[in-house]
Structure formats: C-alpha cells, structure tokens
Amino acid sequence: MSNISSLNEFLLLAFADTRELQLLHFSLFLGIYLAALLGNGLIITAVACDHRLHTPMYFFLLNLSLLDLGTVSTTVPKSMANSLWDTRAISYSGCAAQVFLVALLLGGEYCLLTVMAYDRYVAICRPLHYGTLMGSRACVRMAAAVWASGFLYSVLHTANTFSIPLCQGNTVDQFFCEIPQILKLSCSDSYLREVGLIVIGACLGFVCFIFIVLSYMQIFTAVLRIPSEQGRHKAFSTCLPHLAVFSLFVSTDLFAYLKPPSLSSPALDLVVAVLYAVVPPTLNPLIYSMRNKELKDALRKVISWTFFSSGDIAIALRK
C-alpha cells in the first residue's frame, strides 16, 4: 500500500497519441480559452466601468464572470501545455491546487446562481422592498458568503481527498485532477469519508435547487400577471439568461456525477468534464449578453473605447 504523500506526480489523460491530434487539441482548447477570457473579461470591464450597470444583478454577474474565468484558467491551460509538450504529468502540488480551485469555483458558482435567483425573485415579486433587501451592504455580504461557502466546501473536499491512501497507481483518467477520478485510485473502503462529504454536499445542493425552482415558479406567476406585454417581455429578459445558465450548469454537473457506473468510460468522462468545466464558462457571457440591451450597449462602449484607444496609441507611436 502506497500513500498519496509518497507520490511526486500524477499522470493526466491524454487527448491523443499522435502529434497532429495533440496540436489540434491544443488549438481547439486555445480558441475556447481565448473566447472565455474575452467574453468574461468584457463583461467584467463593462460592469466595472459603466455606472448604469452598478446594480445588484450586474454585481452578481461580475462575480459569475470571475468564477468562470477562474474555472477555465484552472483546467484548460495545463491541458494545453501537456498537449503542446507531449507530456501527461502534473505535480502533486499542482493536482492538489486544481482540486482545491475547481471545488471552490464550481461550489461558489452554484451558491452564486442561488443568490442570483433570489435577486430576481425580490426584483419581480417584491419590487417595493428591493432597495431594502438588496442594498449595497446586503449584496456585498451575499457575495462574501458565496466565496466563503466555496472556500469551506473546497477545503473540506481537498483535505479529505488528499488524506486518502492510494493503492491503484497515479494515473488520473481525466484532463484535470477531478475528485471522482482520484477516488478511483484509493484503497478499498478508504474513500467512504469523501463519499459522505459528497452526499452532504449533494443534499445542500438539492436544497438550493428546490429554492431556485420555487423562486422561479413564483417569478413566472408574477410575470404572467403583468398587464402590459412590454413589461412581461422586460421581466422575462432579465430572468431567462440566468435560468439558461443555471440549467446548463446543473444538467452537466448532474450527468457528470450521477450517471450510472455502467455508462462510465474514459471517453465519455472526458466529454462530460469538458461540458461542465469548459463549456459553461465560455457560453455564459454570450447567454447573458444576447437578450440584455443595457449590457450590449455597455459592451459596445468598451469595445469601441478599446479600438479608439489602441488607434490613438498607434498614431502617437508613428509621430
């Protein structure tokens, strides 16, 4: 029996064996990563710079973009580097850091989506109390609670996972260090503590899920009572992006962690991991900006300011 502390590195799953396919994987992930950086970076810049977006909804959207940026930056660059340099290795500390950050960011995102549902509920169902319930101090406290919850969730899972002895080698069948894949390397019955934590986390997640579902049932009931079609359209336009992001996040996570063992295979696990760790952070900025006129106007200003500023710099350099 060899303990995890005696290992110096883990071996991640390789996307391909041939050099051409490795470079193709690098190119695809590079494009996805740059798209995620650009989309989330533009939203963060727009919300921070445009005073019209200094509202609770956009404050939480800024935090969502920060979490998404962290998620893709934790998982994608290492996988790209391994394909570029034709290696599979990740250090012990690097693997622990990935587990910690992924758990923190994904746990925090789930909590944040719950807070964002509460924000939409108060805005539509209790508009007269919105200024009181969603004041600046309350929003900062809720955001702090989101990050603190993700941190606590991450500390518990990381400490427990990396205290389990391993008897099945050091090959992780995933493109990043994922807790379920590390548990497959553990000794018989030694993973039960971590499974217990996962069950507790799943129960808390189920409570959040029920809260969000009940909130949207009341939201849609209130929206359908709005007499004007324009008012209903405006209310729906603020809710549908969040609902789409939540559905994408939950559906991919549930399939990743609750699929039957008979369906498990390295290829399927790889696809599912890409779906929940890479696709949502890349698509979330697009989902939020498609139906939001205020955000689209702010993004246009950021883009035009960037181009005009770079043009002025180029002219000054020529002179």
Protein backbone atom coordinates (compact mmCIF):
# COMPACT_ATOMS: atom_id res chain seq x y z
CA MET A 1 0.00 0.00 0.00
CA SER A 2 1.43 3.36 -1.05
CA ASN A 3 0.16 6.58 0.43
CA ILE A 4 -0.62 9.60 -1.73
CA SER A 5 2.02 11.63 0.08
CA SER A 6 4.70 9.35 -1.38
CA LEU A 7 3.72 10.32 -4.93
CA ASN A 8 5.53 13.14 -6.68
CA GLU A 9 3.20 13.47 -9.64
CA PHE A 10 0.05 12.24 -11.35
CA LEU A 11 -0.49 11.32 -14.99
CA LEU A 12 -3.46 13.02 -16.65
CA LEU A 13 -5.50 11.59 -19.51
CA ALA A 14 -4.04 12.35 -22.92
CA PHE A 15 -6.46 13.58 -25.59
CA ALA A 16 -4.49 11.91 -28.39
CA ASP A 17 -1.36 9.89 -29.10
CA THR A 18 -0.33 11.33 -32.46
CA ARG A 19 1.41 14.69 -32.70
CA GLU A 20 -1.10 16.07 -35.20
CA LEU A 21 -4.08 15.36 -32.94
CA GLN A 22 -2.23 16.77 -29.93
CA LEU A 23 -1.67 20.04 -31.80
CA LEU A 24 -5.32 20.01 -32.89
CA HIS A 25 -6.39 19.63 -29.26
CA PHE A 26 -4.06 22.48 -28.28
CA SER A 27 -5.53 24.72 -30.99
CA LEU A 28 -9.15 23.94 -30.08
CA PHE A 29 -8.60 24.49 -26.36
CA LEU A 30 -6.65 27.67 -27.10
CA GLY A 31 -9.57 29.03 -29.12
CA ILE A 32 -12.06 28.11 -26.38
CA TYR A 33 -9.84 29.59 -23.68
CA LEU A 34 -9.36 32.87 -25.55
CA ALA A 35 -13.12 33.08 -26.17
CA ALA A 36 -13.80 32.55 -22.45
CA LEU A 37 -11.18 35.15 -21.49
CA LEU A 38 -12.55 37.67 -23.98
CA GLY A 39 -16.22 37.18 -23.12
CA ASN A 40 -15.85 37.19 -19.34
CA GLY A 41 -13.20 39.92 -19.45
CA LEU A 42 -15.51 42.20 -21.46
CA ILE A 43 -18.37 41.66 -19.01
CA ILE A 44 -16.15 42.40 -16.01
CA THR A 45 -14.83 45.55 -17.68
CA ALA A 46 -18.29 46.71 -18.79
CA VAL A 47 -19.86 46.22 -15.35
CA ALA A 48 -16.93 47.86 -13.57
CA CYS A 49 -16.73 50.88 -15.89
CA ASP A 50 -20.38 51.65 -16.72
CA HIS A 51 -22.16 53.31 -13.79
CA ARG A 52 -25.55 52.28 -15.21
CA LEU A 53 -24.61 48.66 -14.51
CA HIS A 54 -23.80 49.28 -10.85
CA THR A 55 -26.86 47.35 -9.70
CA PRO A 56 -27.20 44.08 -7.74
CA MET A 57 -27.96 41.99 -10.84
CA TYR A 58 -24.81 43.10 -12.65
CA PHE A 59 -22.72 42.99 -9.48
CA PHE A 60 -23.55 39.28 -9.18
CA LEU A 61 -22.93 38.84 -12.91
CA LEU A 62 -19.43 40.29 -12.42
CA ASN A 63 -18.81 37.71 -9.68
CA LEU A 64 -20.10 34.96 -12.01
CA SER A 65 -17.62 36.05 -14.69
CA LEU A 66 -14.78 35.98 -12.14
CA LEU A 67 -15.74 32.43 -11.15
CA ASP A 68 -15.95 31.37 -14.81
CA LEU A 69 -12.57 32.89 -15.59
CA GLY A 70 -11.07 31.03 -12.65
CA THR A 71 -12.63 27.72 -13.72
CA VAL A 72 -11.27 27.73 -17.28
CA SER A 73 -7.90 29.10 -16.13
CA THR A 74 -7.56 26.25 -13.62
CA THR A 75 -8.29 23.38 -16.01
CA VAL A 76 -7.58 24.40 -19.62
CA PRO A 77 -4.01 25.87 -19.66
CA LYS A 78 -2.41 22.79 -18.06
CA SER A 79 -4.13 20.51 -20.56
CA MET A 80 -2.95 22.72 -23.43
CA ALA A 81 0.62 22.72 -22.11
CA ASN A 82 0.62 18.92 -21.81
CA SER A 83 -0.51 18.53 -25.41
CA LEU A 84 1.97 21.11 -26.66
CA TRP A 85 4.92 19.50 -24.87
CA ASP A 86 3.71 15.90 -25.33
CA THR A 87 3.51 15.04 -21.66
CA ARG A 88 0.85 13.87 -19.20
CA ALA A 89 2.47 14.76 -15.89
CA ILE A 90 1.13 17.12 -13.24
CA SER A 91 2.89 17.60 -9.92
CA TYR A 92 1.39 16.54 -6.59
CA SER A 93 1.00 20.17 -5.51
CA GLY A 94 -0.39 21.13 -8.92
CA CYS A 95 -3.01 18.39 -8.70
CA ALA A 96 -3.98 19.45 -5.18
CA ALA A 97 -4.26 23.07 -6.37
CA GLN A 98 -6.52 22.02 -9.24
CA VAL A 99 -8.80 20.04 -6.93
CA PHE A 100 -8.97 22.95 -4.48
CA LEU A 101 -9.68 25.61 -7.10
CA VAL A 102 -12.18 23.58 -9.11
CA ALA A 103 -14.16 22.73 -5.96
CA LEU A 104 -14.02 26.35 -4.77
CA LEU A 105 -15.08 27.84 -8.10
CA LEU A 106 -17.81 25.33 -9.01
CA GLY A 107 -19.17 25.29 -5.45
CA GLY A 108 -19.11 29.08 -5.38
CA GLU A 109 -20.86 29.29 -8.76
CA TYR A 110 -23.72 27.09 -7.57
CA CYS A 111 -24.17 29.26 -4.48
CA LEU A 112 -23.99 32.40 -6.63
CA LEU A 113 -26.66 31.12 -9.02
CA THR A 114 -28.89 30.58 -5.97
CA VAL A 115 -28.27 34.17 -4.82
CA MET A 116 -28.98 35.46 -8.34
CA ALA A 117 -32.32 33.61 -8.33
CA TYR A 118 -33.16 35.32 -5.02
CA ASP A 119 -32.25 38.69 -6.56
CA ARG A 120 -34.66 38.09 -9.48
CA TYR A 121 -37.37 36.92 -7.06
CA VAL A 122 -37.13 40.09 -4.96
CA ALA A 123 -36.97 42.35 -8.05
CA ILE A 124 -40.13 40.89 -9.61
CA CYS A 125 -42.21 39.57 -6.70
CA ARG A 126 -41.32 42.20 -4.06
CA PRO A 127 -40.26 45.28 -6.03
CA LEU A 128 -41.21 47.75 -3.28
CA HIS A 129 -38.75 46.08 -0.88
CA TYR A 130 -35.96 45.65 -3.45
CA GLY A 131 -33.93 48.65 -2.29
CA THR A 132 -34.02 47.42 1.31
CA LEU A 133 -33.44 43.70 0.75
CA MET A 134 -30.84 44.14 -2.00
CA GLY A 135 -28.90 47.18 -0.77
CA SER A 136 -25.18 47.51 -1.40
CA ARG A 137 -24.21 46.10 2.01
CA ALA A 138 -26.55 43.14 1.61
CA CYS A 139 -25.13 42.38 -1.85
CA VAL A 140 -21.55 42.52 -0.59
CA ARG A 141 -22.43 40.21 2.29
CA MET A 142 -24.12 37.73 -0.04
CA ALA A 143 -21.15 37.78 -2.41
CA ALA A 144 -18.78 37.27 0.53
CA ALA A 145 -20.95 34.36 1.73
CA VAL A 146 -20.76 32.82 -1.76
CA TRP A 147 -16.95 32.93 -1.84
CA ALA A 148 -16.68 31.78 1.79
CA SER A 149 -19.02 28.83 1.14
CA GLY A 150 -16.99 27.81 -1.89
CA PHE A 151 -13.79 28.09 0.12
CA LEU A 152 -15.12 25.97 3.01
CA TYR A 153 -16.52 23.37 0.60
CA SER A 154 -13.18 23.25 -1.21
CA VAL A 155 -11.07 22.96 1.95
CA LEU A 156 -13.13 20.04 3.26
CA HIS A 157 -13.04 18.11 -0.02
CA THR A 158 -9.38 18.79 -0.78
CA ALA A 159 -8.16 17.90 2.70
CA ASN A 160 -10.25 14.75 2.79
CA THR A 161 -9.35 13.62 -0.74
CA PHE A 162 -5.62 14.05 -0.25
CA SER A 163 -5.64 12.25 3.09
CA ILE A 164 -6.85 9.03 1.47
CA PRO A 165 -4.18 6.37 0.74
CA LEU A 166 -3.80 5.29 -2.87
CA CYS A 167 -3.27 1.72 -3.98
CA GLN A 168 -4.12 1.93 -7.68
CA GLY A 169 -1.22 3.90 -9.14
CA ASN A 170 -1.14 7.56 -10.14
CA THR A 171 -2.99 7.66 -13.48
CA VAL A 172 -5.97 10.04 -13.44
CA ASP A 173 -8.44 9.29 -16.24
CA GLN A 174 -9.28 12.95 -16.83
CA PHE A 175 -7.67 16.02 -18.40
CA PHE A 176 -7.52 17.69 -14.98
CA CYS A 177 -7.42 16.44 -11.38
CA GLU A 178 -11.02 15.56 -10.61
CA ILE A 179 -12.12 14.19 -7.23
CA PRO A 180 -14.09 11.15 -8.54
CA GLN A 181 -11.13 10.09 -10.68
CA ILE A 182 -8.71 10.39 -7.74
CA LEU A 183 -11.08 8.33 -5.59
CA LYS A 184 -10.79 5.52 -8.15
CA LEU A 185 -7.11 5.26 -7.16
CA SER A 186 -7.88 4.84 -3.46
CA CYS A 187 -7.65 1.69 -1.40
CA SER A 188 -10.73 -0.40 -0.72
CA ASP A 189 -13.26 1.39 1.54
CA SER A 190 -10.85 4.27 2.24
CA TYR A 191 -12.88 6.63 0.07
CA LEU A 192 -16.08 6.35 2.12
CA ARG A 193 -15.36 9.55 4.09
CA GLU A 194 -15.14 11.55 0.89
CA VAL A 195 -18.27 9.89 -0.45
CA GLY A 196 -20.02 11.01 2.74
CA LEU A 197 -18.92 14.59 2.12
CA ILE A 198 -20.13 14.37 -1.46
CA VAL A 199 -23.53 13.13 -0.26
CA ILE A 200 -23.79 16.01 2.24
CA GLY A 201 -22.81 18.47 -0.48
CA ALA A 202 -25.38 16.92 -2.82
CA CYS A 203 -28.10 17.34 -0.17
CA LEU A 204 -27.23 21.00 0.31
CA GLY A 205 -27.15 21.42 -3.46
CA PHE A 206 -30.59 19.84 -3.68
CA VAL A 207 -31.91 22.38 -1.16
CA CYS A 208 -30.52 25.21 -3.32
CA PHE A 209 -32.07 23.58 -6.40
CA ILE A 210 -35.51 23.42 -4.75
CA PHE A 211 -35.14 27.06 -3.65
CA ILE A 212 -34.37 28.15 -7.22
CA VAL A 213 -37.26 26.13 -8.68
CA LEU A 214 -39.75 27.53 -6.16
CA SER A 215 -38.43 31.06 -6.76
CA TYR A 216 -38.97 30.76 -10.50
CA MET A 217 -42.45 29.31 -10.04
CA GLN A 218 -43.39 32.47 -8.12
CA ILE A 219 -41.50 34.69 -10.58
CA PHE A 220 -43.33 33.30 -13.62
CA THR A 221 -46.67 33.55 -11.80
CA ALA A 222 -45.97 37.21 -11.03
CA VAL A 223 -44.74 37.96 -14.57
CA LEU A 224 -47.87 36.49 -16.18
CA ARG A 225 -49.96 38.88 -14.07
CA ILE A 226 -48.21 41.94 -15.52
CA PRO A 227 -50.83 43.65 -17.74
CA SER A 228 -48.53 45.11 -20.41
CA GLU A 229 -46.75 42.91 -22.94
CA GLN A 230 -43.69 45.17 -22.79
CA GLY A 231 -43.48 44.73 -19.02
CA ARG A 232 -43.71 40.95 -19.32
CA HIS A 233 -41.03 40.94 -22.01
CA LYS A 234 -38.67 43.06 -19.88
CA ALA A 235 -39.19 40.84 -16.84
CA PHE A 236 -38.59 37.66 -18.84
CA SER A 237 -35.47 39.14 -20.46
CA THR A 238 -33.85 39.57 -17.03
CA CYS A 239 -34.75 36.04 -15.90
CA LEU A 240 -34.21 33.81 -18.94
CA PRO A 241 -30.40 34.26 -19.15
CA HIS A 242 -29.99 33.25 -15.51
CA LEU A 243 -32.34 30.31 -15.98
CA ALA A 244 -30.42 29.19 -19.09
CA VAL A 245 -27.06 29.44 -17.30
CA PHE A 246 -28.43 27.57 -14.28
CA SER A 247 -29.92 24.81 -16.46
CA LEU A 248 -26.65 24.37 -18.37
CA PHE A 249 -24.59 24.27 -15.18
CA VAL A 250 -26.86 21.85 -13.28
CA SER A 251 -27.56 19.47 -16.17
CA THR A 252 -23.89 18.95 -16.99
CA ASP A 253 -22.90 18.60 -13.32
CA LEU A 254 -25.67 16.12 -12.58
CA PHE A 255 -24.78 13.98 -15.55
CA ALA A 256 -21.10 14.08 -14.61
CA TYR A 257 -21.57 12.96 -11.01
CA LEU A 258 -24.81 10.94 -11.04
CA LYS A 259 -24.52 8.94 -14.27
CA PRO A 260 -24.68 5.13 -13.77
CA PRO A 261 -21.31 3.36 -13.44
CA SER A 262 -22.24 1.23 -16.44
CA LEU A 263 -22.05 4.36 -18.62
CA SER A 264 -18.63 5.32 -17.34
CA SER A 265 -15.75 5.20 -19.80
CA PRO A 266 -12.65 7.37 -20.27
CA ALA A 267 -14.02 8.88 -23.49
CA LEU A 268 -17.45 9.68 -22.03
CA ASP A 269 -15.98 11.02 -18.78
CA LEU A 270 -13.72 13.27 -20.83
CA VAL A 271 -16.61 14.67 -22.87
CA VAL A 272 -18.74 15.24 -19.76
CA ALA A 273 -15.87 17.02 -17.98
CA VAL A 274 -15.44 19.35 -20.95
CA LEU A 275 -19.20 20.01 -20.89
CA TYR A 276 -19.33 21.07 -17.24
CA ALA A 277 -15.86 22.62 -16.73
CA VAL A 278 -15.21 24.31 -20.08
CA VAL A 279 -18.45 24.90 -21.99
CA PRO A 280 -20.50 26.87 -19.37
CA PRO A 281 -17.73 29.42 -18.58
CA THR A 282 -17.36 30.03 -22.32
CA LEU A 283 -21.07 30.30 -23.14
CA ASN A 284 -22.26 32.24 -20.06
CA PRO A 285 -21.13 35.67 -21.36
CA LEU A 286 -22.88 35.01 -24.68
CA ILE A 287 -26.08 33.86 -22.94
CA TYR A 288 -26.22 36.95 -20.73
CA SER A 289 -25.43 39.44 -23.50
CA MET A 290 -27.87 38.08 -26.13
CA ARG A 291 -31.11 39.44 -24.64
CA ASN A 292 -29.78 42.25 -22.43
CA LYS A 293 -29.85 45.64 -24.15
CA GLU A 294 -28.10 47.51 -21.30
CA LEU A 295 -25.25 45.01 -21.24
CA LYS A 296 -24.90 45.02 -25.04
CA ASP A 297 -24.71 48.83 -25.06
CA ALA A 298 -22.04 48.78 -22.35
CA LEU A 299 -20.07 46.11 -24.24
CA ARG A 300 -20.18 48.20 -27.42
CA LYS A 301 -18.77 51.15 -25.49
CA VAL A 302 -15.96 49.02 -24.06
CA ILE A 303 -15.08 47.60 -27.47
CA SER A 304 -15.20 51.00 -29.21
CA TRP A 305 -13.14 52.58 -26.43
CA THR A 306 -10.57 49.79 -26.76
CA PHE A 307 -10.27 50.21 -30.53
CA PHE A 308 -10.16 54.01 -30.39
CA SER A 309 -7.56 53.95 -27.60
CA SER A 310 -5.36 51.47 -29.47
CA GLY A 311 -5.71 53.63 -32.60
CA ASP A 312 -4.64 56.77 -30.73
CA ILE A 313 -1.65 54.91 -29.30
CA ALA A 314 -0.63 53.73 -32.80
CA ILE A 315 -0.92 57.27 -34.18
CA ALA A 316 1.15 58.65 -31.32
CA LEU A 317 3.83 55.99 -31.90
CA ARG A 318 4.01 56.90 -35.61
CA LYS A 319 4.56 60.54 -34.71
